[in-house]
C-alpha atoms as a PDB file:
ATOM      1  CA  MET A   1      -6.071  29.575   0.687  1.00  0.00           C
ATOM      2  CA  ILE A   2      -4.883  26.359  -0.875  1.00  0.00           C
ATOM      3  CA  SER A   3      -3.478  26.745  -4.282  1.00  0.00           C
ATOM      4  CA  GLY A   4      -3.086  23.139  -5.384  1.00  0.00           C
ATOM      5  CA  LEU A   5      -1.458  19.615  -4.180  1.00  0.00           C
ATOM      6  CA  HIS A   6       2.064  19.988  -3.302  1.00  0.00           C
ATOM      7  CA  HIS A   7       2.976  16.420  -2.956  1.00  0.00           C
ATOM      8  CA  ILE A   8       1.749  13.138  -1.562  1.00  0.00           C
ATOM      9  CA  ALA A   9       4.290  11.386   0.829  1.00  0.00           C
ATOM     10  CA  ILE A  10       4.484   7.760   0.785  1.00  0.00           C
ATOM     11  CA  LEU A  11       6.474   5.438   3.157  1.00  0.00           C
ATOM     12  CA  ALA A  12       8.148   2.442   1.584  1.00  0.00           C
ATOM     13  CA  SER A  13      10.209  -0.357   2.781  1.00  0.00           C
ATOM     14  CA  GLU A  14      12.265  -1.414  -0.468  1.00  0.00           C
ATOM     15  CA  LYS A  15      13.444   1.153  -2.895  1.00  0.00           C
ATOM     16  CA  ALA A  16      13.729  -0.881  -6.027  1.00  0.00           C
ATOM     17  CA  ARG A  17      10.417  -2.398  -5.561  1.00  0.00           C
ATOM     18  CA  THR A  18       8.597   0.893  -5.000  1.00  0.00           C
ATOM     19  CA  LEU A  19      10.284   2.629  -7.553  1.00  0.00           C
ATOM     20  CA  ALA A  20       9.420  -0.044 -10.099  1.00  0.00           C
ATOM     21  CA  PHE A  21       5.682   0.074  -8.940  1.00  0.00           C
ATOM     22  CA  TYR A  22       5.207   3.701  -9.295  1.00  0.00           C
ATOM     23  CA  GLY A  23       7.478   3.682 -12.698  1.00  0.00           C
ATOM     24  CA  ALA A  24       4.882   1.434 -13.962  1.00  0.00           C
ATOM     25  CA  LEU A  25       2.175   3.998 -13.212  1.00  0.00           C
ATOM     26  CA  GLY A  26       4.324   6.547 -15.294  1.00  0.00           C
ATOM     27  CA  PHE A  27       6.180   8.287 -12.539  1.00  0.00           C
ATOM     28  CA  ARG A  28       9.888   9.087 -13.044  1.00  0.00           C
ATOM     29  CA  VAL A  29      12.601   9.861 -10.360  1.00  0.00           C
ATOM     30  CA  GLU A  30      13.351  13.324 -10.396  1.00  0.00           C
ATOM     31  CA  SER A  31      15.885  13.391  -7.325  1.00  0.00           C
ATOM     32  CA  CYS A  32      17.075  11.307  -4.328  1.00  0.00           C
ATOM     33  CA  TYR A  33      18.302  12.572  -1.216  1.00  0.00           C
ATOM     34  CA  PRO A  34      20.001   9.822   0.942  1.00  0.00           C
ATOM     35  CA  ARG A  35      19.966  10.867   4.824  1.00  0.00           C
ATOM     36  CA  PRO A  36      22.418   8.541   6.614  1.00  0.00           C
ATOM     37  CA  GLU A  37      21.731  10.143   9.906  1.00  0.00           C
ATOM     38  CA  ARG A  38      18.276   9.091   9.634  1.00  0.00           C
ATOM     39  CA  ARG A  39      18.760   5.794   8.102  1.00  0.00           C
ATOM     40  CA  ASP A  40      16.391   6.382   5.074  1.00  0.00           C
ATOM     41  CA  GLU A  41      16.418   8.010   1.643  1.00  0.00           C
ATOM     42  CA  ILE A  42      13.851  10.438   0.146  1.00  0.00           C
ATOM     43  CA  VAL A  43      13.078   9.968  -3.568  1.00  0.00           C
ATOM     44  CA  PHE A  44      11.083  12.507  -5.386  1.00  0.00           C
ATOM     45  CA  MET A  45       9.119  11.017  -8.437  1.00  0.00           C
ATOM     46  CA  THR A  46       6.956  13.146 -10.686  1.00  0.00           C
ATOM     47  CA  ALA A  47       4.250  12.654 -13.302  1.00  0.00           C
ATOM     48  CA  ALA A  48       1.495  14.923 -14.820  1.00  0.00           C
ATOM     49  CA  GLY A  49       2.109  17.556 -12.314  1.00  0.00           C
ATOM     50  CA  LEU A  50       1.974  15.294  -9.416  1.00  0.00           C
ATOM     51  CA  THR A  51       5.000  14.715  -7.054  1.00  0.00           C
ATOM     52  CA  LEU A  52       5.568  11.899  -4.981  1.00  0.00           C
ATOM     53  CA  GLU A  53       7.893  12.236  -1.982  1.00  0.00           C
ATOM     54  CA  ILE A  54       9.066   8.450  -1.072  1.00  0.00           C
ATOM     55  CA  PHE A  55      10.486   7.914   2.078  1.00  0.00           C
ATOM     56  CA  VAL A  56      12.506   4.630   1.837  1.00  0.00           C
ATOM     57  CA  SER A  57      13.592   3.129   5.426  1.00  0.00           C
ATOM     58  CA  GLU A  58      13.463   0.075   7.560  1.00  0.00           C
ATOM     59  CA  GLY A  59      11.737  -0.772  10.634  1.00  0.00           C
ATOM     60  CA  ASN A  60       8.413   0.998  10.212  1.00  0.00           C
ATOM     61  CA  PRO A  61       5.257  -1.253  11.227  1.00  0.00           C
ATOM     62  CA  PRO A  62       3.284  -2.676   8.531  1.00  0.00           C
ATOM     63  CA  ARG A  63       0.317  -0.839   7.244  1.00  0.00           C
ATOM     64  CA  VAL A  64      -3.098  -1.291   8.847  1.00  0.00           C
ATOM     65  CA  SER A  65      -5.225  -2.673   6.060  1.00  0.00           C
ATOM     66  CA  GLY A  66      -8.361  -4.096   7.799  1.00  0.00           C
ATOM     67  CA  PRO A  67     -10.390  -2.858   9.712  1.00  0.00           C
ATOM     68  CA  GLU A  68      -9.715   0.418   8.099  1.00  0.00           C
ATOM     69  CA  ALA A  69      -8.206   3.259  10.388  1.00  0.00           C
ATOM     70  CA  TYR A  70      -9.378   6.736  10.384  1.00  0.00           C
ATOM     71  CA  GLY A  71      -7.330   9.145   8.177  1.00  0.00           C
ATOM     72  CA  LEU A  72      -6.247   8.990   4.667  1.00  0.00           C
ATOM     73  CA  ARG A  73      -7.881   6.117   2.843  1.00  0.00           C
ATOM     74  CA  HIS A  74      -6.214   5.862  -0.401  1.00  0.00           C
ATOM     75  CA  VAL A  75      -4.493   7.675  -3.286  1.00  0.00           C
ATOM     76  CA  ALA A  76      -6.606   8.046  -6.791  1.00  0.00           C
ATOM     77  CA  PHE A  77      -4.792   8.714  -9.854  1.00  0.00           C
ATOM     78  CA  ALA A  78      -6.750  10.098 -13.039  1.00  0.00           C
ATOM     79  CA  VAL A  79      -5.842   8.377 -16.331  1.00  0.00           C
ATOM     80  CA  GLU A  80      -7.355   8.368 -19.969  1.00  0.00           C
ATOM     81  CA  ASN A  81      -7.824   4.697 -20.238  1.00  0.00           C
ATOM     82  CA  ALA A  82      -8.150   2.454 -16.944  1.00  0.00           C
ATOM     83  CA  ARG A  83      -8.032  -0.630 -18.957  1.00  0.00           C
ATOM     84  CA  ALA A  84      -4.921  -0.103 -20.552  1.00  0.00           C
ATOM     85  CA  VAL A  85      -3.279   0.976 -17.364  1.00  0.00           C
ATOM     86  CA  ARG A  86      -4.552  -2.339 -15.610  1.00  0.00           C
ATOM     87  CA  GLU A  87      -3.390  -4.332 -18.527  1.00  0.00           C
ATOM     88  CA  GLY A  88       0.196  -2.791 -18.212  1.00  0.00           C
ATOM     89  CA  LEU A  89       0.257  -3.475 -14.734  1.00  0.00           C
ATOM     90  CA  LEU A  90      -0.799  -7.065 -15.044  1.00  0.00           C
ATOM     91  CA  GLN A  91       2.173  -7.461 -17.670  1.00  0.00           C
ATOM     92  CA  ALA A  92       4.496  -5.919 -14.972  1.00  0.00           C
ATOM     93  CA  GLY A  93       3.616  -8.732 -12.596  1.00  0.00           C
ATOM     94  CA  TYR A  94       1.332  -6.902 -10.281  1.00  0.00           C
ATOM     95  CA  GLN A  95      -2.021  -7.975  -9.149  1.00  0.00           C
ATOM     96  CA  PRO A  96      -4.970  -5.115  -9.636  1.00  0.00           C
ATOM     97  CA  GLU A  97      -8.326  -5.776  -8.707  1.00  0.00           C
ATOM     98  CA  PRO A  98     -10.839  -6.475 -11.351  1.00  0.00           C
ATOM     99  CA  MET A  99     -12.238  -3.392 -13.493  1.00  0.00           C
ATOM    100  CA  ARG A 100     -15.424  -1.983 -12.302  1.00  0.00           C
ATOM    101  CA  VAL A 101     -17.704   1.125 -12.940  1.00  0.00           C
ATOM    102  CA  ASP A 102     -17.720   3.866 -10.190  1.00  0.00           C
ATOM    103  CA  THR A 103     -21.448   4.109  -9.219  1.00  0.00           C
ATOM    104  CA  ILE A 104     -21.118   7.901  -8.461  1.00  0.00           C
ATOM    105  CA  THR A 105     -19.258   8.943 -11.621  1.00  0.00           C
ATOM    106  CA  GLY A 106     -20.149   6.232 -13.946  1.00  0.00           C
ATOM    107  CA  LYS A 107     -16.561   5.917 -15.020  1.00  0.00           C
ATOM    108  CA  ALA A 108     -14.066   2.748 -15.381  1.00  0.00           C
ATOM    109  CA  MET A 109     -11.916   2.307 -12.288  1.00  0.00           C
ATOM    110  CA  PHE A 110      -9.984  -0.385 -10.168  1.00  0.00           C
ATOM    111  CA  PHE A 111      -7.388  -0.442  -7.108  1.00  0.00           C
ATOM    112  CA  VAL A 112      -4.122  -1.863  -6.791  1.00  0.00           C
ATOM    113  CA  LYS A 113      -1.926  -1.945  -4.023  1.00  0.00           C
ATOM    114  CA  ASP A 114       1.755  -0.634  -3.963  1.00  0.00           C
ATOM    115  CA  PRO A 115       4.490  -2.913  -2.685  1.00  0.00           C
ATOM    116  CA  ASP A 116       3.759  -1.946   0.913  1.00  0.00           C
ATOM    117  CA  GLY A 117      -0.006  -2.164   0.876  1.00  0.00           C
ATOM    118  CA  LEU A 118      -1.036   1.273   0.129  1.00  0.00           C
ATOM    119  CA  PRO A 119      -4.220   1.333  -1.945  1.00  0.00           C
ATOM    120  CA  ILE A 120      -4.154   3.065  -5.147  1.00  0.00           C
ATOM    121  CA  GLU A 121      -7.110   3.975  -7.225  1.00  0.00           C
ATOM    122  CA  ILE A 122      -6.757   4.314 -10.904  1.00  0.00           C
ATOM    123  CA  HIS A 123      -9.693   6.261 -12.113  1.00  0.00           C
ATOM    124  CA  GLU A 124     -10.793   7.533 -15.695  1.00  0.00           C
END
């Protein structure tokens, strides 16, 4: 039986941009594992009991964003104040979508894309 979420794996093209983006959401680097034989690096970032396993490499195809393909659609992070997180992302130079209210939960939320186009939902 499942006991919890172990980690979320993300492919990234540029280390600095990716770490800055997830850092703006409150994630902190825990460890880095360069793998020269595979021409990549794995970076683990954590926040609020969540772990991101970020594979930084070159040469992967760009993310297909439209039409959406089957499989994982997006990652959603819970926050206490979506408006404050959105404002922080705007001040850091990112372009989050407008705030909206989730029609199912009635809570404030918005989307923002990471530097490689992965949709990230921020949800109260």
